[in-house]
Protein backbone atom coordinates (compact mmCIF):
# COMPACT_ATOMS: atom_id res chain seq x y z
CA MET A 1 86.88 127.94 90.25
CA VAL A 2 89.61 125.11 91.00
CA ALA A 3 92.95 126.51 90.73
CA THR A 4 94.48 123.50 88.81
CA ASP A 5 93.29 121.22 86.18
CA THR A 6 94.84 118.17 87.96
CA ALA A 7 92.47 118.53 90.87
CA LEU A 8 90.77 115.06 90.18
CA ALA A 9 94.25 113.62 90.84
CA TYR A 10 93.81 114.27 94.53
CA THR A 11 90.27 113.10 94.96
CA PRO A 12 89.72 109.43 96.12
CA ARG A 13 88.36 107.34 93.65
CA ARG A 14 85.20 105.36 94.33
CA PRO A 15 85.30 101.56 94.14
CA ASP A 16 84.74 100.14 90.68
CA PRO A 17 81.44 98.76 90.67
CA ARG A 18 82.50 96.12 88.22
CA LEU A 19 84.91 94.48 90.93
CA PRO A 20 83.68 92.53 93.95
CA PRO A 21 84.00 94.27 97.37
CA PRO A 22 87.36 92.81 99.24
CA ARG A 23 86.84 89.52 100.74
CA ILE A 24 90.55 89.47 101.82
CA ASN A 25 91.69 92.81 102.56
CA LEU A 26 95.46 92.99 102.61
CA TYR A 27 95.74 96.68 101.45
CA SER A 28 96.45 98.31 104.58
CA ASP A 29 95.86 98.14 108.41
CA THR A 30 94.05 101.47 107.97
CA GLN A 31 91.16 99.10 106.30
CA THR A 32 90.17 97.56 109.51
CA LYS A 33 86.46 97.78 110.75
CA PRO A 34 85.27 98.53 114.33
CA SER A 35 84.34 95.20 115.90
CA PRO A 36 80.77 94.84 117.66
CA ALA A 37 82.20 95.12 120.99
CA MET A 38 84.35 98.23 120.06
CA LYS A 39 81.03 99.95 118.72
CA ALA A 40 79.29 99.01 121.99
CA ALA A 41 82.01 100.46 124.08
CA MET A 42 81.63 103.66 121.89
CA MET A 43 77.97 103.89 122.31
CA ALA A 44 78.29 103.49 126.10
CA ALA A 45 80.87 106.08 126.42
CA GLU A 46 80.25 108.98 128.53
CA VAL A 47 81.07 112.26 126.39
CA GLY A 48 81.21 116.21 126.65
CA ASP A 49 82.69 118.97 125.07
CA GLU A 50 86.30 117.97 124.30
CA GLN A 51 87.49 121.56 123.31
CA HIS A 52 86.07 122.91 126.53
CA GLY A 53 87.59 120.01 128.43
CA ASP A 54 84.39 118.48 129.42
CA ASP A 55 84.91 114.96 127.80
CA PRO A 56 85.94 112.47 130.53
CA THR A 57 86.43 109.62 128.11
CA VAL A 58 89.04 111.90 126.06
CA TRP A 59 90.75 112.77 129.41
CA ALA A 60 90.89 109.11 130.30
CA LEU A 61 92.56 108.39 127.08
CA CYS A 62 94.98 111.20 127.22
CA ASP A 63 96.10 110.40 130.71
CA ARG A 64 96.41 106.47 129.85
CA MET A 65 98.35 107.40 126.84
CA ALA A 66 100.69 109.88 128.56
CA ALA A 67 101.57 107.06 131.13
CA LEU A 68 102.02 104.43 128.50
CA LEU A 69 104.56 106.55 126.51
CA GLY A 70 106.10 108.07 129.80
CA LYS A 71 105.47 111.54 129.01
CA GLU A 72 103.82 114.47 130.85
CA ALA A 73 100.64 115.05 128.82
CA ALA A 74 98.89 114.11 125.71
CA VAL A 75 96.42 115.45 123.39
CA PHE A 76 93.68 113.51 121.25
CA LEU A 77 93.89 114.24 117.54
CA PRO A 78 91.83 112.96 114.29
CA SER A 79 94.80 111.78 112.49
CA GLY A 80 98.17 110.54 112.87
CA THR A 81 99.13 113.12 109.88
CA MET A 82 97.97 115.92 112.16
CA CYS A 83 100.09 114.67 115.01
CA ASN A 84 103.10 115.10 112.95
CA GLN A 85 102.42 118.37 111.57
CA ILE A 86 101.37 119.88 114.83
CA ALA A 87 104.54 118.32 116.40
CA ILE A 88 106.97 120.01 113.55
CA ARG A 89 105.02 123.18 113.82
CA VAL A 90 105.74 123.27 117.57
CA HIS A 91 109.42 122.27 117.37
CA CYS A 92 110.24 124.35 114.28
CA ARG A 93 110.04 127.83 113.03
CA PRO A 94 110.13 128.83 109.31
CA GLY A 95 113.61 128.35 107.60
CA ASP A 96 114.39 125.52 110.11
CA GLU A 97 115.63 122.04 108.92
CA ILE A 98 114.44 118.56 109.98
CA ILE A 99 116.63 115.62 109.67
CA ALA A 100 114.76 112.38 108.74
CA HIS A 101 114.98 109.41 106.64
CA GLU A 102 114.19 109.74 102.87
CA THR A 103 111.11 107.60 103.03
CA ALA A 104 109.71 109.03 106.09
CA HIS A 105 105.99 109.39 105.97
CA ILE A 106 106.43 113.26 106.39
CA VAL A 107 108.52 113.27 103.23
CA THR A 108 106.49 110.81 101.09
CA SER A 109 103.29 110.94 102.19
CA GLU A 110 101.83 114.36 103.73
CA HIS A 111 101.98 116.66 100.74
CA GLY A 112 104.55 118.66 101.59
CA GLY A 113 103.28 119.50 105.03
CA PRO A 114 106.71 120.37 106.86
CA TRP A 115 107.29 122.96 104.19
CA ALA A 116 103.67 124.29 103.78
CA ASN A 117 102.59 124.47 107.56
CA ALA A 118 106.00 124.92 109.35
CA GLY A 119 108.13 126.60 106.69
CA ALA A 120 110.64 123.78 107.47
CA GLY A 121 112.62 121.87 105.21
CA VAL A 122 113.80 118.13 105.41
CA ARG A 123 117.25 116.89 105.09
CA ALA A 124 116.69 113.45 103.83
CA LEU A 125 119.00 110.79 104.87
CA LYS A 126 119.64 107.26 103.39
CA GLY A 127 119.67 104.11 105.00
CA GLU A 128 118.53 100.60 104.69
CA ARG A 129 114.93 99.28 105.92
CA GLY A 130 113.86 102.98 106.33
CA MET A 131 116.50 103.76 109.12
CA PHE A 132 119.78 105.89 109.00
CA SER A 133 122.65 105.08 111.14
CA ALA A 134 124.06 107.16 113.97
CA GLU A 135 126.93 107.91 111.78
CA ALA A 136 124.99 109.20 109.03
CA LEU A 137 122.99 111.74 111.43
CA ARG A 138 126.36 112.98 112.78
CA ALA A 139 127.49 113.52 109.32
CA ALA A 140 124.26 115.50 108.39
CA ILE A 141 124.48 117.84 111.59
CA THR A 142 125.91 121.17 110.30
CA PRO A 143 127.69 123.89 112.66
CA LYS A 144 125.45 126.60 113.81
CA GLY A 145 125.84 129.78 111.80
CA ARG A 146 124.04 132.37 109.88
CA TYR A 147 124.71 130.51 106.49
CA ALA A 148 123.15 127.17 106.82
CA ALA A 149 119.49 126.57 107.81
CA ASN A 150 119.01 126.20 111.55
CA GLN A 151 118.67 122.43 112.22
CA ALA A 152 115.72 122.07 114.83
CA LEU A 153 114.40 118.41 115.08
CA VAL A 154 115.27 114.69 114.26
CA GLU A 155 112.41 112.63 113.24
CA VAL A 156 112.46 108.82 112.95
CA GLU A 157 109.13 106.64 111.92
CA GLN A 158 108.49 103.44 114.16
CA THR A 159 107.91 101.17 112.62
CA ALA A 160 109.45 102.13 109.09
CA ASN A 161 106.73 101.64 106.68
CA ILE A 162 108.23 101.88 103.34
CA GLY A 163 111.32 100.12 105.07
CA GLY A 164 109.13 96.86 105.36
CA GLY A 165 107.49 97.60 108.71
CA ALA A 166 111.08 97.26 110.07
CA VAL A 167 111.84 97.99 113.78
CA TRP A 168 114.28 100.68 115.00
CA PRO A 169 116.22 98.73 117.62
CA LYS A 170 116.00 100.51 121.10
CA ALA A 171 119.80 101.13 121.25
CA LEU A 172 119.90 102.82 118.12
CA LEU A 173 116.90 105.06 118.92
CA ASP A 174 118.50 105.97 122.31
CA GLU A 175 121.78 106.86 120.40
CA ILE A 176 119.94 108.91 117.83
CA ALA A 177 118.30 110.88 120.42
CA ALA A 178 121.41 111.52 122.23
CA ILE A 179 123.29 112.61 119.28
CA ALA A 180 120.53 115.05 118.62
CA HIS A 181 120.26 116.44 121.93
CA ASP A 182 123.90 116.91 122.28
CA ALA A 183 123.43 119.08 119.14
CA GLY A 184 120.80 121.02 120.57
CA LEU A 185 118.18 119.46 118.46
CA ALA A 186 114.44 118.22 119.45
CA THR A 187 113.32 114.71 118.68
CA HIS A 188 109.97 113.59 117.22
CA MET A 189 108.98 109.84 116.79
CA ASP A 190 106.21 109.27 114.30
CA GLY A 191 104.80 106.25 116.07
CA ALA A 192 102.12 105.13 113.76
CA ARG A 193 102.93 101.64 114.41
CA LEU A 194 104.68 101.99 117.74
CA MET A 195 102.88 99.06 119.45
CA ASN A 196 103.63 96.58 116.58
CA ALA A 197 107.62 97.55 117.25
CA ALA A 198 107.12 97.31 121.04
CA VAL A 199 105.18 93.69 120.34
CA ALA A 200 107.49 92.61 117.98
CA ALA A 201 110.81 93.85 120.21
CA GLY A 202 109.38 92.68 123.60
CA VAL A 203 110.10 96.17 124.72
CA THR A 204 107.66 98.75 126.09
CA ALA A 205 106.36 101.52 123.95
CA ALA A 206 107.84 103.75 126.96
CA GLU A 207 111.23 102.57 126.51
CA LEU A 208 111.36 102.65 122.65
CA CYS A 209 110.37 106.58 122.90
CA ALA A 210 112.20 107.57 126.01
CA GLY A 211 114.64 109.83 124.26
CA TYR A 212 111.96 111.50 122.11
CA ASP A 213 110.48 114.99 122.96
CA SER A 214 107.42 113.94 121.38
CA VAL A 215 105.59 110.76 120.08
CA TRP A 216 102.35 109.74 118.87
CA LEU A 217 100.30 106.60 118.46
CA ASP A 218 97.74 105.81 115.62
CA PHE A 219 94.74 103.79 116.69
CA THR A 220 93.31 103.45 112.99
CA LYS A 221 95.86 100.81 111.95
CA GLY A 222 96.37 97.55 113.76
CA LEU A 223 94.55 98.48 116.87
CA GLY A 224 91.24 98.96 114.95
CA ALA A 225 89.75 102.17 115.87
CA PRO A 226 87.69 104.13 113.39
CA LEU A 227 89.65 107.13 113.57
CA GLY A 228 92.15 109.00 116.06
CA ALA A 229 95.61 109.50 117.22
CA VAL A 230 97.22 110.73 120.46
CA LEU A 231 100.21 112.99 120.58
CA ALA A 232 102.27 113.18 124.04
CA GLY A 233 105.14 115.08 125.18
CA SER A 234 105.86 117.51 128.16
CA ALA A 235 103.03 119.80 129.46
CA ALA A 236 104.69 122.58 127.67
CA PHE A 237 104.66 120.91 124.33
CA ILE A 238 100.96 119.69 124.59
CA ASP A 239 100.08 123.29 125.80
CA GLN A 240 101.44 124.44 122.29
CA ALA A 241 100.12 121.66 120.47
CA TRP A 242 96.64 122.64 121.60
CA ARG A 243 97.18 126.16 119.91
CA TRP A 244 97.98 124.36 116.67
CA LYS A 245 95.18 121.96 117.02
CA GLN A 246 92.84 124.85 117.32
CA ARG A 247 94.51 126.65 114.21
CA MET A 248 94.35 123.74 111.94
CA GLY A 249 90.72 122.83 112.72
CA GLY A 250 91.45 119.78 114.81
CA SER A 251 89.42 120.57 117.91
CA MET A 252 86.49 118.39 118.55
CA ARG A 253 83.19 118.31 120.43
CA GLN A 254 81.74 115.04 121.92
CA ALA A 255 84.99 113.15 120.98
CA GLY A 256 84.59 110.51 123.86
CA ILE A 257 82.66 108.37 121.37
CA CYS A 258 85.95 107.98 119.50
CA ALA A 259 88.14 108.22 122.42
CA ALA A 260 86.28 104.97 123.83
CA ALA A 261 87.21 103.20 120.80
CA CYS A 262 90.78 103.70 121.44
CA LEU A 263 90.49 102.83 124.94
CA TYR A 264 88.88 99.52 123.95
CA ALA A 265 91.78 99.06 121.54
CA LEU A 266 94.23 99.35 124.23
CA ASP A 267 92.52 96.82 126.31
CA HIS A 268 92.00 94.13 123.67
CA ASN A 269 94.13 94.81 120.39
CA VAL A 270 97.63 95.26 121.40
CA ALA A 271 98.89 91.64 122.65
CA ARG A 272 97.15 90.11 119.69
CA LEU A 273 99.33 92.25 117.18
CA ALA A 274 101.39 89.04 117.57
CA ASP A 275 98.89 87.26 115.61
CA ASP A 276 99.61 89.66 112.72
CA HIS A 277 103.18 89.49 112.67
CA ALA A 278 103.05 85.71 112.70
CA ASN A 279 100.27 85.70 109.66
CA ALA A 280 102.86 88.03 107.90
CA LYS A 281 105.72 85.73 108.30
CA ALA A 282 103.38 82.78 107.13
CA LEU A 283 102.42 84.82 104.01
CA ALA A 284 106.18 85.65 103.44
CA ARG A 285 107.19 82.14 103.50
CA ALA A 286 104.74 81.17 101.17
CA LEU A 287 105.54 83.91 98.67
CA ALA A 288 109.14 83.05 98.83
CA GLN A 289 108.58 79.60 97.59
CA ILE A 290 107.11 80.93 94.33
CA GLU A 291 110.15 81.11 91.86
CA GLY A 292 110.78 84.55 90.47
CA VAL A 293 109.16 86.38 93.72
CA ALA A 294 111.76 88.57 95.84
CA VAL A 295 110.28 88.72 99.24
CA GLN A 296 111.48 91.20 102.05
CA GLU A 297 111.42 89.24 105.48
CA PRO A 298 108.86 90.98 107.53
CA GLU A 299 109.57 91.98 111.03
CA THR A 300 105.90 93.01 111.96
CA ASN A 301 102.89 93.06 109.84
CA LEU A 302 103.94 94.35 106.43
CA VAL A 303 105.09 91.81 103.69
CA PHE A 304 106.73 93.49 100.81
CA PHE A 305 107.41 91.45 97.71
CA ASP A 306 108.55 92.10 94.02
CA PRO A 307 106.75 89.71 91.59
CA SER A 308 108.47 91.09 88.52
CA GLY A 309 110.81 88.12 88.29
CA THR A 310 107.80 86.17 86.94
CA GLY A 311 106.88 88.57 84.35
CA ILE A 312 104.05 90.33 85.99
CA SER A 313 104.41 93.74 87.66
CA ALA A 314 103.12 94.41 91.22
CA ALA A 315 100.46 96.54 89.76
CA ALA A 316 99.21 93.96 87.43
CA LEU A 317 99.14 91.35 90.23
CA ALA A 318 97.12 93.78 92.51
CA ALA A 319 94.69 94.11 89.54
CA LYS A 320 94.34 90.64 88.98
CA LEU A 321 93.62 89.93 92.79
CA ALA A 322 91.21 92.66 93.17
CA GLU A 323 89.14 90.77 90.42
CA GLN A 324 88.92 87.99 93.02
CA GLY A 325 88.08 90.50 96.00
CA ILE A 326 91.72 90.25 97.41
CA TRP A 327 93.15 93.55 97.93
CA ILE A 328 97.02 94.43 98.21
CA SER A 329 98.78 97.78 97.54
CA VAL A 330 101.73 98.72 95.44
CA LEU A 331 104.43 100.91 96.80
CA ASN A 332 107.44 102.20 94.83
CA GLY A 333 106.87 99.48 92.33
CA ARG A 334 106.53 96.61 94.97
CA ALA A 335 103.47 94.73 96.28
CA ARG A 336 102.65 95.23 99.84
CA ALA A 337 100.37 92.95 101.88
CA CYS A 338 99.42 94.14 105.53
CA THR A 339 98.02 91.63 107.98
CA HIS A 340 95.88 93.06 110.67
CA LEU A 341 92.72 92.04 113.01
CA ASP A 342 90.45 91.45 110.28
CA VAL A 343 92.82 88.96 108.40
CA THR A 344 92.80 85.25 109.72
CA ALA A 345 95.51 82.52 108.86
CA ALA A 346 93.04 81.11 106.64
CA MET A 347 92.68 84.24 104.60
CA VAL A 348 96.43 84.37 104.24
CA GLU A 349 96.54 80.88 102.94
CA GLU A 350 93.93 81.69 100.50
CA ALA A 351 95.66 85.08 99.46
CA ALA A 352 99.16 83.06 98.68
CA ALA A 353 97.34 80.39 96.73
CA ALA A 354 95.41 83.06 94.72
CA ILE A 355 98.86 84.81 94.03
CA ARG A 356 100.66 81.57 93.16
CA ALA A 357 97.78 80.75 90.67
CA ILE A 358 98.11 84.15 89.05
CA LEU A 359 101.76 83.92 88.64
CA ALA A 360 101.75 80.51 87.43
CA ARG A 361 99.51 81.65 84.39
């Protein structure tokens, strides 16, 4: 028997059969589909029992990612959310406190994971574009003692999703990490779109996460893989991460078939992220020309805009676009369009024209 009468609220809804399938999918970069070449690489992968340590393709991916992120070791996991939850569980003990931005994914989108899985609370900091300042972090750090919660971890999200895909500057990341370490706190980077940040900033991924004790990269977003993320850190950290991977059910078998997609993505889909950023800027320029639409200037591949000044809400706009086979998402009352490898410049032009026509009516 289901313990709550609201269970259906958590169940993904099937597509409405009355609506056309998406022709232009700006809903999220998680909507990307593996290309024929990526599928071929998956089918050709050499595989073994990943949990037993026998899958050479998984080892190749983990070794490559450890080097790419400047860490000692790495572990392949099914999802980025599992990377966050395992990292928190390694860094924290029940009753500990995590310091993060109030819009961080671990706060808004992981169903209370830090509290439920690690027994750790989150001190949520404010700040523009999904980032908090060094001064805000200093003010949030409490003296060690037997009254306040033990602060164990500082977490940042690169790029900041709800912040509009904003890129944390390397200088700020380094300052945040130094403050945390000086206070005896560990550091963790949610690197879901870390490669978008690296391409946009012209800085290597290893440089961006140099001050962070753990970091992960998601392959299911702009990099186009069907599943998978890699969590990296010290050898001792990854040894503990494997314990929690086992407990959380994330151990896999012939996972090389998926790791091969991630290796293909590293070879073919990183540099082209600049195309997604250019398409996002083109869409933002087109939307900014529509009277009554407030657009946040994109730094990477996420375009947030508010059409309410035209008399139509973001949700209503998304529904009308869906009738034409164009998908966007709605977050906190704003519309979000996400460019990725399955979205061309021509599609961006068509989507902008469709939005303009709907709002004009």
